[in-house]
Every structure is written in C-alpha cells, then in structure tokens.
Amino acid sequence: MSGYVGVAALTDHDLEAIRTRGFGAAYRMLGSVSEAEDIAQEAMLRFTTAGDEIDDPLAWITTVSTRLSIDYLRTARVRRETYIGPWLPEPLVADPEPGPGQTLELADTLSQAFLVMLERLTPLERAAFLLRDVFDYDYAELAAVLDRNEANCRQLVARARRHAEAEDVRYDPDAGERDRLFDRFLAAAAGGNVNELERLLAEDAVFVSDGGGKVTAARKPLFGAHRVASVWARITANQRRHERPSVARVSVNGQPGCVLRRPGGEVTTVLTVDVVDGRIAALRAIRNPDKLAHV
C-alpha cells in the first residue's frame, strides 16, 4: 500500500486496513477501546482530507494515531493516577475461533499483560517502544515522530525494553493447550472444586480484578495458587446463588477468556488468563462497567 496518490485510488478493504492500523496503534498506547476508536476516527478524518501525497498510508496513520495518543495521555494523566484499585485495559473480545481478518491484530502485543506493562511507562517511552519494536520504525523515523533527537529516542527505547524484560511477559505458544486449560478451570470453578483449581494454577499465580471503584472488586491483586483458587471458588459460588450468570467462551486480547452476563443480558465481567509452562499464571477480571459498554 505504498506510492499512494489519492484516497479515491484505495478500495474499502484498503481503507479498513488503514483504520485498523490506526486503532491498533492507539489501543496499544491507551488501553481503551472507546478512546482508541475516537483516535482512529480523527486520524482517518485527517487522512481522507490530507492534501499532500502520502507515500505510505499505514506508516502515516500509525504516526498520526501515536501523536494523538501521546496528547491524550498527557491530558488524562491525573485521571489515570487517581484510578481506584488495579487498572486493566478495556478488553478486546472476539470469537474464540476468529476468522483471518480478526486474528491479524490479536498478537501478543495486544495482550492484557503487555498493555498493563505499557501502562507503567511514560507516554514517550510507550510510543518509542511500540514504534520501534512493534511497528519497526528506525531511529530517524522515531526522532521525527516524537520530535526528539535519535540519541534521546534510543534512550527511551532502552528504558522501555529494560522494563519489558523485568516484567517477563510470556505465554505458552500452543493456543489449543491454553484453551483446554482454561476450559478445565471454568469447569472446576463451576463445580466448586478448589483442589482442581489449585492444580491448574501456577504456584505464584496472581488474580487481578478491576472494578474502578464502581462495582465489587478486590482493591489489590491476590497472590498464590491456594489463595486465588479459594477466592475464585467463593466468587463463583456467590455468582451462582445471586447473579446466575451465563458464561460465553471468547478470546480476550488474543488469550483465552469468557464473558459473564446476568440473565437479562447485562455484561458483568470479562475474564481472561495467561498460561505459562502449562499452568494459569494470571487471572484478570475486568468488571468496571465503563470498560464493558462495548462488549
């Protein structure tokens, strides 16, 4: 999609690919589906009204979406810093067996764990890291996008990489095994089988629940297989008694997950897991209603 001379020369498929790239860049920066959609829409508006020739539309939309996201993060800094309880990204929910178009953007760099890691970086570190390691920009291009010299951009990327290495974000490569393990977890939770839940969890497993201060959720992460298994069994038993939710298996940011709905159809929770070395290493429950409106 290079050598572009006009929007009219692009097909609907081309335009959707450009919009998807802009959304993907903004979502990685912001961790918010709704905000990323707004950024992508603004970037596409600028794209379709650009008077000058655009040699590479995908690179152009990535650059514009990243710059708009940096500006947004600077204005949202106070809101992010005063968030109640653990912060998790808005979930990207897809069919558990998506078609080719859906799988394109659901890579490890869109996982909940990766986005949580990015949240701990400054906006400039985040942008530099994504543009360099995800979108393969060279340092001269980075300098132009971020309005910094190349040496400063190298420092931004190096700091972000050190943080990423310390977080050790990784997953078992076999998607089928991940899904089967998660299905066993859901079955054990439904049956209240704490011992089976504990066997499925890594010894140092963590459970993070994001309610944003608006619904019931743990204010701090819970650690340890036994504690997480016991707590999750109680949560499931309580849901069966009071909410009687339906459970639909989905893919959440490319990882195994499910959507819980009340009998009336209201989404209450999106749950996803990270699987490492054949065990569930992390459970993440997004419960903040503001983050579930798009599901």
C-alpha atoms as a PDB file:
ATOM      1  CA  MET A   1       0.000   0.000   0.000  1.00  0.00           C
ATOM      2  CA  SER A   2       2.809   2.401  -0.963  1.00  0.00           C
ATOM      3  CA  GLY A   3       3.024   5.077  -3.644  1.00  0.00           C
ATOM      4  CA  TYR A   4      -0.405   6.428  -2.660  1.00  0.00           C
ATOM      5  CA  VAL A   5      -1.610   9.351  -4.772  1.00  0.00           C
ATOM      6  CA  GLY A   6      -5.217   9.783  -3.634  1.00  0.00           C
ATOM      7  CA  VAL A   7      -7.929   8.383  -1.392  1.00  0.00           C
ATOM      8  CA  ALA A   8     -10.075   7.581  -4.418  1.00  0.00           C
ATOM      9  CA  ALA A   9      -7.472   5.032  -5.547  1.00  0.00           C
ATOM     10  CA  LEU A  10      -7.977   2.979  -2.366  1.00  0.00           C
ATOM     11  CA  THR A  11     -10.557   0.210  -2.008  1.00  0.00           C
ATOM     12  CA  ASP A  12     -12.817  -0.247   1.006  1.00  0.00           C
ATOM     13  CA  HIS A  13     -10.519  -3.092   2.081  1.00  0.00           C
ATOM     14  CA  ASP A  14      -7.514  -0.733   1.931  1.00  0.00           C
ATOM     15  CA  LEU A  15      -9.304   1.912   3.987  1.00  0.00           C
ATOM     16  CA  GLU A  16     -10.339  -0.636   6.620  1.00  0.00           C
ATOM     17  CA  ALA A  17      -6.751  -1.905   6.855  1.00  0.00           C
ATOM     18  CA  ILE A  18      -5.564   1.673   7.410  1.00  0.00           C
ATOM     19  CA  ARG A  19      -8.240   2.310  10.055  1.00  0.00           C
ATOM     20  CA  THR A  20      -7.391  -0.973  11.803  1.00  0.00           C
ATOM     21  CA  ARG A  21      -3.725   0.002  11.938  1.00  0.00           C
ATOM     22  CA  GLY A  22      -4.621   3.372  13.441  1.00  0.00           C
ATOM     23  CA  PHE A  23      -6.880   1.709  16.004  1.00  0.00           C
ATOM     24  CA  GLY A  24      -4.195  -0.840  16.865  1.00  0.00           C
ATOM     25  CA  ALA A  25      -1.591   1.854  17.471  1.00  0.00           C
ATOM     26  CA  ALA A  26      -3.968   3.929  19.609  1.00  0.00           C
ATOM     27  CA  TYR A  27      -5.273   0.943  21.582  1.00  0.00           C
ATOM     28  CA  ARG A  28      -1.751  -0.163  22.493  1.00  0.00           C
ATOM     29  CA  MET A  29      -0.995   3.376  23.636  1.00  0.00           C
ATOM     30  CA  LEU A  30      -4.233   3.918  25.596  1.00  0.00           C
ATOM     31  CA  GLY A  31      -5.581   0.508  26.611  1.00  0.00           C
ATOM     32  CA  SER A  32      -9.075   1.786  25.861  1.00  0.00           C
ATOM     33  CA  VAL A  33     -11.303   0.587  23.031  1.00  0.00           C
ATOM     34  CA  SER A  34     -13.558   3.654  23.078  1.00  0.00           C
ATOM     35  CA  GLU A  35     -10.676   6.139  23.224  1.00  0.00           C
ATOM     36  CA  ALA A  36      -8.769   4.262  20.518  1.00  0.00           C
ATOM     37  CA  GLU A  37     -11.846   4.345  18.281  1.00  0.00           C
ATOM     38  CA  ASP A  38     -12.028   8.121  18.748  1.00  0.00           C
ATOM     39  CA  ILE A  39      -8.341   8.492  17.911  1.00  0.00           C
ATOM     40  CA  ALA A  40      -8.652   6.230  14.846  1.00  0.00           C
ATOM     41  CA  GLN A  41     -11.681   8.189  13.635  1.00  0.00           C
ATOM     42  CA  GLU A  42      -9.832  11.503  13.994  1.00  0.00           C
ATOM     43  CA  ALA A  43      -6.758  10.072  12.256  1.00  0.00           C
ATOM     44  CA  MET A  44      -8.873   8.745   9.380  1.00  0.00           C
ATOM     45  CA  LEU A  45     -10.585  12.118   9.010  1.00  0.00           C
ATOM     46  CA  ARG A  46      -7.182  13.754   8.685  1.00  0.00           C
ATOM     47  CA  PHE A  47      -6.091  11.027   6.265  1.00  0.00           C
ATOM     48  CA  THR A  48      -9.055  11.483   3.931  1.00  0.00           C
ATOM     49  CA  THR A  49      -8.663  15.251   3.885  1.00  0.00           C
ATOM     50  CA  ALA A  50      -4.865  15.353   3.550  1.00  0.00           C
ATOM     51  CA  GLY A  51      -3.931  17.473   0.568  1.00  0.00           C
ATOM     52  CA  ASP A  52      -0.349  16.298   0.188  1.00  0.00           C
ATOM     53  CA  GLU A  53       0.614  12.943  -1.265  1.00  0.00           C
ATOM     54  CA  ILE A  54       1.045  10.177   1.319  1.00  0.00           C
ATOM     55  CA  ASP A  55       3.656   7.671   0.254  1.00  0.00           C
ATOM     56  CA  ASP A  56       2.855   5.019   2.897  1.00  0.00           C
ATOM     57  CA  PRO A  57      -0.688   5.213   4.357  1.00  0.00           C
ATOM     58  CA  LEU A  58      -0.054   2.590   7.066  1.00  0.00           C
ATOM     59  CA  ALA A  59       3.010   4.398   8.365  1.00  0.00           C
ATOM     60  CA  TRP A  60       1.180   7.736   8.129  1.00  0.00           C
ATOM     61  CA  ILE A  61      -1.839   6.533  10.143  1.00  0.00           C
ATOM     62  CA  THR A  62       0.441   4.896  12.737  1.00  0.00           C
ATOM     63  CA  THR A  63       2.366   8.125  13.192  1.00  0.00           C
ATOM     64  CA  VAL A  64      -0.738  10.317  13.476  1.00  0.00           C
ATOM     65  CA  SER A  65      -2.521   7.909  15.840  1.00  0.00           C
ATOM     66  CA  THR A  66       0.557   7.721  18.062  1.00  0.00           C
ATOM     67  CA  ARG A  67       0.916  11.505  18.236  1.00  0.00           C
ATOM     68  CA  LEU A  68      -2.775  11.947  19.047  1.00  0.00           C
ATOM     69  CA  SER A  69      -2.478   9.259  21.741  1.00  0.00           C
ATOM     70  CA  ILE A  70       0.505  10.990  23.357  1.00  0.00           C
ATOM     71  CA  ASP A  71      -1.502  14.216  23.531  1.00  0.00           C
ATOM     72  CA  TYR A  72      -4.455  12.360  25.018  1.00  0.00           C
ATOM     73  CA  LEU A  73      -2.339  10.624  27.661  1.00  0.00           C
ATOM     74  CA  ARG A  74      -0.914  13.930  28.794  1.00  0.00           C
ATOM     75  CA  THR A  75      -4.410  15.272  29.435  1.00  0.00           C
ATOM     76  CA  ALA A  76      -5.562  12.002  31.056  1.00  0.00           C
ATOM     77  CA  ARG A  77      -2.581  11.690  33.425  1.00  0.00           C
ATOM     78  CA  VAL A  78      -4.394  12.832  36.574  1.00  0.00           C
ATOM     79  CA  ARG A  79      -7.382  10.583  35.858  1.00  0.00           C
ATOM     80  CA  ARG A  80      -5.114   7.557  35.435  1.00  0.00           C
ATOM     81  CA  GLU A  81      -3.151   8.355  38.606  1.00  0.00           C
ATOM     82  CA  THR A  82      -6.304   8.570  40.759  1.00  0.00           C
ATOM     83  CA  TYR A  83      -7.894   5.360  39.435  1.00  0.00           C
ATOM     84  CA  ILE A  84      -9.404   3.266  42.246  1.00  0.00           C
ATOM     85  CA  GLY A  85      -7.892  -0.206  42.542  1.00  0.00           C
ATOM     86  CA  PRO A  86      -5.890  -2.076  39.884  1.00  0.00           C
ATOM     87  CA  TRP A  87      -6.141  -0.758  36.325  1.00  0.00           C
ATOM     88  CA  LEU A  88      -6.758  -3.178  33.460  1.00  0.00           C
ATOM     89  CA  PRO A  89      -7.231  -2.339  29.773  1.00  0.00           C
ATOM     90  CA  GLU A  90     -10.648  -2.406  28.168  1.00  0.00           C
ATOM     91  CA  PRO A  91     -10.938  -5.921  26.712  1.00  0.00           C
ATOM     92  CA  LEU A  92     -10.811  -6.722  23.020  1.00  0.00           C
ATOM     93  CA  VAL A  93     -13.371  -9.517  22.791  1.00  0.00           C
ATOM     94  CA  ALA A  94     -13.576 -11.815  19.750  1.00  0.00           C
ATOM     95  CA  ASP A  95     -14.961 -15.184  18.773  1.00  0.00           C
ATOM     96  CA  PRO A  96     -12.749 -17.950  20.234  1.00  0.00           C
ATOM     97  CA  GLU A  97     -12.168 -19.193  16.677  1.00  0.00           C
ATOM     98  CA  PRO A  98     -11.861 -15.916  14.747  1.00  0.00           C
ATOM     99  CA  GLY A  99     -11.528 -15.682  11.021  1.00  0.00           C
ATOM    100  CA  PRO A 100      -8.350 -14.456   9.281  1.00  0.00           C
ATOM    101  CA  GLY A 101      -9.386 -10.807   9.481  1.00  0.00           C
ATOM    102  CA  GLN A 102      -9.839 -10.979  13.236  1.00  0.00           C
ATOM    103  CA  THR A 103      -6.569 -12.734  14.020  1.00  0.00           C
ATOM    104  CA  LEU A 104      -4.393 -10.182  12.234  1.00  0.00           C
ATOM    105  CA  GLU A 105      -4.219  -7.679  15.088  1.00  0.00           C
ATOM    106  CA  LEU A 106      -4.640 -10.089  18.028  1.00  0.00           C
ATOM    107  CA  ALA A 107      -0.939 -10.600  18.652  1.00  0.00           C
ATOM    108  CA  ASP A 108       0.984 -10.851  21.930  1.00  0.00           C
ATOM    109  CA  THR A 109       1.489  -7.081  21.792  1.00  0.00           C
ATOM    110  CA  LEU A 110      -2.253  -6.665  22.316  1.00  0.00           C
ATOM    111  CA  SER A 111      -2.458  -8.972  25.336  1.00  0.00           C
ATOM    112  CA  GLN A 112      -3.647  -7.685  28.696  1.00  0.00           C
ATOM    113  CA  ALA A 113      -0.260  -8.439  30.278  1.00  0.00           C
ATOM    114  CA  PHE A 114       1.591  -6.468  27.599  1.00  0.00           C
ATOM    115  CA  LEU A 115      -0.768  -3.499  27.871  1.00  0.00           C
ATOM    116  CA  VAL A 116      -0.501  -3.459  31.683  1.00  0.00           C
ATOM    117  CA  MET A 117       3.275  -3.355  31.274  1.00  0.00           C
ATOM    118  CA  LEU A 118       2.969  -0.430  28.836  1.00  0.00           C
ATOM    119  CA  GLU A 119       0.798   1.468  31.321  1.00  0.00           C
ATOM    120  CA  ARG A 120       3.803   1.723  33.642  1.00  0.00           C
ATOM    121  CA  LEU A 121       5.838   3.585  31.005  1.00  0.00           C
ATOM    122  CA  THR A 122       5.712   7.295  30.304  1.00  0.00           C
ATOM    123  CA  PRO A 123       3.774   8.262  27.151  1.00  0.00           C
ATOM    124  CA  LEU A 124       7.010   8.951  25.252  1.00  0.00           C
ATOM    125  CA  GLU A 125       8.619   5.674  26.384  1.00  0.00           C
ATOM    126  CA  ARG A 126       5.493   3.816  25.380  1.00  0.00           C
ATOM    127  CA  ALA A 127       5.374   5.449  21.959  1.00  0.00           C
ATOM    128  CA  ALA A 128       9.090   4.905  21.293  1.00  0.00           C
ATOM    129  CA  PHE A 129       8.921   1.261  22.325  1.00  0.00           C
ATOM    130  CA  LEU A 130       5.833   0.499  20.232  1.00  0.00           C
ATOM    131  CA  LEU A 131       7.033   2.323  17.138  1.00  0.00           C
ATOM    132  CA  ARG A 132      10.451   0.669  17.301  1.00  0.00           C
ATOM    133  CA  ASP A 133       9.678  -2.897  18.431  1.00  0.00           C
ATOM    134  CA  VAL A 134       6.111  -3.405  17.165  1.00  0.00           C
ATOM    135  CA  PHE A 135       5.887  -1.205  14.063  1.00  0.00           C
ATOM    136  CA  ASP A 136       9.595  -1.430  13.107  1.00  0.00           C
ATOM    137  CA  TYR A 137      10.368   2.285  12.801  1.00  0.00           C
ATOM    138  CA  ASP A 138      14.048   3.175  12.541  1.00  0.00           C
ATOM    139  CA  TYR A 139      15.502   5.758  14.930  1.00  0.00           C
ATOM    140  CA  ALA A 140      15.471   8.548  12.353  1.00  0.00           C
ATOM    141  CA  GLU A 141      11.717   7.985  11.887  1.00  0.00           C
ATOM    142  CA  LEU A 142      11.259   7.815  15.663  1.00  0.00           C
ATOM    143  CA  ALA A 143      13.006  11.146  16.077  1.00  0.00           C
ATOM    144  CA  ALA A 144      10.700  12.756  13.506  1.00  0.00           C
ATOM    145  CA  VAL A 145       7.524  11.366  15.117  1.00  0.00           C
ATOM    146  CA  LEU A 146       8.476  12.199  18.703  1.00  0.00           C
ATOM    147  CA  ASP A 147      10.274  15.471  17.966  1.00  0.00           C
ATOM    148  CA  ARG A 148      13.398  14.228  19.765  1.00  0.00           C
ATOM    149  CA  ASN A 149      16.926  13.553  18.562  1.00  0.00           C
ATOM    150  CA  GLU A 150      17.977   9.992  17.747  1.00  0.00           C
ATOM    151  CA  ALA A 151      20.115   9.610  20.878  1.00  0.00           C
ATOM    152  CA  ASN A 152      17.167  10.532  23.075  1.00  0.00           C
ATOM    153  CA  CYS A 153      14.937   8.074  21.192  1.00  0.00           C
ATOM    154  CA  ARG A 154      17.474   5.295  21.761  1.00  0.00           C
ATOM    155  CA  GLN A 155      17.393   6.066  25.483  1.00  0.00           C
ATOM    156  CA  LEU A 156      13.576   5.960  25.527  1.00  0.00           C
ATOM    157  CA  VAL A 157      13.528   2.580  23.789  1.00  0.00           C
ATOM    158  CA  ALA A 158      16.269   1.172  26.035  1.00  0.00           C
ATOM    159  CA  ARG A 159      14.411   2.185  29.211  1.00  0.00           C
ATOM    160  CA  ALA A 160      11.191   0.651  27.907  1.00  0.00           C
ATOM    161  CA  ARG A 161      12.938  -2.581  26.923  1.00  0.00           C
ATOM    162  CA  ARG A 162      14.509  -2.912  30.374  1.00  0.00           C
ATOM    163  CA  HIS A 163      11.067  -2.564  31.910  1.00  0.00           C
ATOM    164  CA  ALA A 164       9.586  -5.105  29.486  1.00  0.00           C
ATOM    165  CA  GLU A 165      12.351  -7.602  30.287  1.00  0.00           C
ATOM    166  CA  ALA A 166      11.759  -7.137  34.020  1.00  0.00           C
ATOM    167  CA  GLU A 167       8.024  -7.833  33.553  1.00  0.00           C
ATOM    168  CA  ASP A 168       8.831 -11.052  31.622  1.00  0.00           C
ATOM    169  CA  VAL A 169       5.595 -11.038  29.602  1.00  0.00           C
ATOM    170  CA  ARG A 170       5.285 -14.505  28.006  1.00  0.00           C
ATOM    171  CA  TYR A 171       2.733 -17.217  27.179  1.00  0.00           C
ATOM    172  CA  ASP A 172       2.599 -20.854  26.194  1.00  0.00           C
ATOM    173  CA  PRO A 173       2.741 -20.916  22.385  1.00  0.00           C
ATOM    174  CA  ASP A 174       0.073 -23.615  21.877  1.00  0.00           C
ATOM    175  CA  ALA A 175      -3.278 -21.819  21.697  1.00  0.00           C
ATOM    176  CA  GLY A 176      -5.174 -25.104  21.842  1.00  0.00           C
ATOM    177  CA  GLU A 177      -3.500 -26.088  25.102  1.00  0.00           C
ATOM    178  CA  ARG A 178      -4.236 -22.665  26.578  1.00  0.00           C
ATOM    179  CA  ASP A 179      -7.917 -23.002  25.666  1.00  0.00           C
ATOM    180  CA  ARG A 180      -8.209 -26.532  27.061  1.00  0.00           C
ATOM    181  CA  LEU A 181      -6.605 -25.468  30.342  1.00  0.00           C
ATOM    182  CA  PHE A 182      -8.995 -22.541  30.657  1.00  0.00           C
ATOM    183  CA  ASP A 183     -11.992 -24.794  29.944  1.00  0.00           C
ATOM    184  CA  ARG A 184     -10.825 -27.106  32.755  1.00  0.00           C
ATOM    185  CA  PHE A 185     -10.539 -24.063  35.019  1.00  0.00           C
ATOM    186  CA  LEU A 186     -14.093 -22.948  34.262  1.00  0.00           C
ATOM    187  CA  ALA A 187     -15.423 -26.465  34.876  1.00  0.00           C
ATOM    188  CA  ALA A 188     -13.587 -26.726  38.204  1.00  0.00           C
ATOM    189  CA  ALA A 189     -14.862 -23.288  39.255  1.00  0.00           C
ATOM    190  CA  ALA A 190     -18.446 -24.216  38.336  1.00  0.00           C
ATOM    191  CA  GLY A 191     -18.143 -27.348  40.458  1.00  0.00           C
ATOM    192  CA  GLY A 192     -16.528 -25.557  43.383  1.00  0.00           C
ATOM    193  CA  ASN A 193     -13.502 -27.864  43.145  1.00  0.00           C
ATOM    194  CA  VAL A 194     -10.814 -25.859  44.974  1.00  0.00           C
ATOM    195  CA  ASN A 195      -8.212 -28.646  44.769  1.00  0.00           C
ATOM    196  CA  GLU A 196      -8.566 -28.895  40.990  1.00  0.00           C
ATOM    197  CA  LEU A 197      -8.431 -25.118  40.643  1.00  0.00           C
ATOM    198  CA  GLU A 198      -5.224 -25.048  42.668  1.00  0.00           C
ATOM    199  CA  ARG A 199      -3.656 -27.759  40.478  1.00  0.00           C
ATOM    200  CA  LEU A 200      -4.386 -25.689  37.380  1.00  0.00           C
ATOM    201  CA  LEU A 201      -2.758 -22.556  38.802  1.00  0.00           C
ATOM    202  CA  ALA A 202       0.929 -21.683  38.919  1.00  0.00           C
ATOM    203  CA  GLU A 203       2.319 -21.604  42.457  1.00  0.00           C
ATOM    204  CA  ASP A 204       2.785 -17.817  42.235  1.00  0.00           C
ATOM    205  CA  ALA A 205      -0.449 -17.158  40.316  1.00  0.00           C
ATOM    206  CA  VAL A 206      -1.995 -13.694  40.569  1.00  0.00           C
ATOM    207  CA  PHE A 207      -5.639 -12.620  40.405  1.00  0.00           C
ATOM    208  CA  VAL A 208      -6.355  -9.004  39.431  1.00  0.00           C
ATOM    209  CA  SER A 209      -9.860  -7.516  39.468  1.00  0.00           C
ATOM    210  CA  ASP A 210     -10.664  -4.091  38.007  1.00  0.00           C
ATOM    211  CA  GLY A 211     -13.889  -2.542  39.314  1.00  0.00           C
ATOM    212  CA  GLY A 212     -12.768   1.072  39.107  1.00  0.00           C
ATOM    213  CA  GLY A 213     -14.481   1.772  42.436  1.00  0.00           C
ATOM    214  CA  LYS A 214     -17.888   1.281  40.770  1.00  0.00           C
ATOM    215  CA  VAL A 215     -18.586  -2.409  41.476  1.00  0.00           C
ATOM    216  CA  THR A 216     -17.305  -5.019  43.907  1.00  0.00           C
ATOM    217  CA  ALA A 217     -13.681  -5.927  43.179  1.00  0.00           C
ATOM    218  CA  ALA A 218     -10.502  -6.561  45.134  1.00  0.00           C
ATOM    219  CA  ARG A 219      -8.588  -3.322  45.663  1.00  0.00           C
ATOM    220  CA  LYS A 220      -5.242  -5.155  45.491  1.00  0.00           C
ATOM    221  CA  PRO A 221      -4.004  -8.160  43.485  1.00  0.00           C
ATOM    222  CA  LEU A 222      -4.198 -11.560  45.188  1.00  0.00           C
ATOM    223  CA  PHE A 223      -1.193 -13.892  45.012  1.00  0.00           C
ATOM    224  CA  GLY A 224      -0.609 -17.629  45.412  1.00  0.00           C
ATOM    225  CA  ALA A 225      -2.345 -20.687  43.929  1.00  0.00           C
ATOM    226  CA  HIS A 226      -4.194 -21.698  47.100  1.00  0.00           C
ATOM    227  CA  ARG A 227      -5.476 -18.208  47.871  1.00  0.00           C
ATOM    228  CA  VAL A 228      -6.533 -17.498  44.289  1.00  0.00           C
ATOM    229  CA  ALA A 229      -8.273 -20.893  43.973  1.00  0.00           C
ATOM    230  CA  SER A 230     -10.156 -20.412  47.255  1.00  0.00           C
ATOM    231  CA  VAL A 231     -11.229 -16.871  46.413  1.00  0.00           C
ATOM    232  CA  TRP A 232     -12.309 -17.742  42.877  1.00  0.00           C
ATOM    233  CA  ALA A 233     -14.345 -20.720  44.123  1.00  0.00           C
ATOM    234  CA  ARG A 234     -16.163 -18.416  46.564  1.00  0.00           C
ATOM    235  CA  ILE A 235     -16.782 -15.827  43.849  1.00  0.00           C
ATOM    236  CA  THR A 236     -18.232 -18.463  41.527  1.00  0.00           C
ATOM    237  CA  ALA A 237     -20.452 -19.923  44.267  1.00  0.00           C
ATOM    238  CA  ASN A 238     -21.730 -16.448  45.151  1.00  0.00           C
ATOM    239  CA  GLN A 239     -22.477 -15.688  41.496  1.00  0.00           C
ATOM    240  CA  ARG A 240     -24.468 -18.916  41.156  1.00  0.00           C
ATOM    241  CA  ARG A 241     -26.563 -18.025  44.196  1.00  0.00           C
ATOM    242  CA  HIS A 242     -27.251 -14.394  43.330  1.00  0.00           C
ATOM    243  CA  GLU A 243     -26.450 -13.392  39.751  1.00  0.00           C
ATOM    244  CA  ARG A 244     -26.810 -16.781  37.989  1.00  0.00           C
ATOM    245  CA  PRO A 245     -24.641 -15.561  35.112  1.00  0.00           C
ATOM    246  CA  SER A 246     -24.306 -17.178  31.712  1.00  0.00           C
ATOM    247  CA  VAL A 247     -20.736 -17.870  30.642  1.00  0.00           C
ATOM    248  CA  ALA A 248     -19.705 -17.443  26.998  1.00  0.00           C
ATOM    249  CA  ARG A 249     -16.229 -18.521  25.892  1.00  0.00           C
ATOM    250  CA  VAL A 250     -14.412 -15.849  23.909  1.00  0.00           C
ATOM    251  CA  SER A 251     -10.943 -14.691  23.010  1.00  0.00           C
ATOM    252  CA  VAL A 252      -9.825 -11.678  25.057  1.00  0.00           C
ATOM    253  CA  ASN A 253      -6.901  -9.764  23.579  1.00  0.00           C
ATOM    254  CA  GLY A 254      -5.813 -12.973  21.864  1.00  0.00           C
ATOM    255  CA  GLN A 255      -5.828 -15.035  25.078  1.00  0.00           C
ATOM    256  CA  PRO A 256      -8.446 -17.475  26.487  1.00  0.00           C
ATOM    257  CA  GLY A 257     -11.357 -15.721  28.152  1.00  0.00           C
ATOM    258  CA  CYS A 258     -15.075 -15.596  28.830  1.00  0.00           C
ATOM    259  CA  VAL A 259     -17.891 -13.084  29.184  1.00  0.00           C
ATOM    260  CA  LEU A 260     -20.271 -13.320  32.160  1.00  0.00           C
ATOM    261  CA  ARG A 261     -23.798 -11.962  31.716  1.00  0.00           C
ATOM    262  CA  ARG A 262     -26.759 -11.644  34.047  1.00  0.00           C
ATOM    263  CA  PRO A 263     -30.000 -13.359  32.932  1.00  0.00           C
ATOM    264  CA  GLY A 264     -31.161 -10.090  31.370  1.00  0.00           C
ATOM    265  CA  GLY A 265     -28.057  -9.952  29.170  1.00  0.00           C
ATOM    266  CA  GLU A 266     -26.053  -7.310  31.084  1.00  0.00           C
ATOM    267  CA  VAL A 267     -22.315  -7.974  30.932  1.00  0.00           C
ATOM    268  CA  THR A 268     -20.837  -8.041  34.444  1.00  0.00           C
ATOM    269  CA  THR A 269     -17.340  -9.422  33.902  1.00  0.00           C
ATOM    270  CA  VAL A 270     -14.828 -10.233  31.216  1.00  0.00           C
ATOM    271  CA  LEU A 271     -12.318 -12.795  32.492  1.00  0.00           C
ATOM    272  CA  THR A 272      -9.051 -13.730  30.814  1.00  0.00           C
ATOM    273  CA  VAL A 273      -5.990 -15.761  31.769  1.00  0.00           C
ATOM    274  CA  ASP A 274      -2.294 -16.019  30.963  1.00  0.00           C
ATOM    275  CA  VAL A 275      -0.958 -19.564  30.600  1.00  0.00           C
ATOM    276  CA  VAL A 276       2.748 -20.153  31.220  1.00  0.00           C
ATOM    277  CA  ASP A 277       4.506 -23.536  31.442  1.00  0.00           C
ATOM    278  CA  GLY A 278       1.230 -25.436  31.404  1.00  0.00           C
ATOM    279  CA  ARG A 279      -0.366 -23.559  34.297  1.00  0.00           C
ATOM    280  CA  ILE A 280      -2.522 -20.455  34.681  1.00  0.00           C
ATOM    281  CA  ALA A 281      -0.144 -17.726  35.807  1.00  0.00           C
ATOM    282  CA  ALA A 282      -2.594 -14.827  35.929  1.00  0.00           C
ATOM    283  CA  LEU A 283      -6.351 -14.241  36.018  1.00  0.00           C
ATOM    284  CA  ARG A 284      -7.701 -10.820  35.102  1.00  0.00           C
ATOM    285  CA  ALA A 285     -11.323  -9.834  35.686  1.00  0.00           C
ATOM    286  CA  ILE A 286     -12.497  -6.590  34.077  1.00  0.00           C
ATOM    287  CA  ARG A 287     -15.630  -5.522  35.995  1.00  0.00           C
ATOM    288  CA  ASN A 288     -15.705  -1.722  35.663  1.00  0.00           C
ATOM    289  CA  PRO A 289     -18.984  -1.107  33.768  1.00  0.00           C
ATOM    290  CA  ASP A 290     -17.389   1.757  31.810  1.00  0.00           C
ATOM    291  CA  LYS A 291     -14.924  -0.711  30.314  1.00  0.00           C
ATOM    292  CA  LEU A 292     -17.610  -3.215  29.306  1.00  0.00           C
ATOM    293  CA  ALA A 293     -20.021  -0.969  27.405  1.00  0.00           C
ATOM    294  CA  HIS A 294     -18.606  -2.014  24.015  1.00  0.00           C
ATOM    295  CA  VAL A 295     -18.733  -5.773  24.746  1.00  0.00           C
END
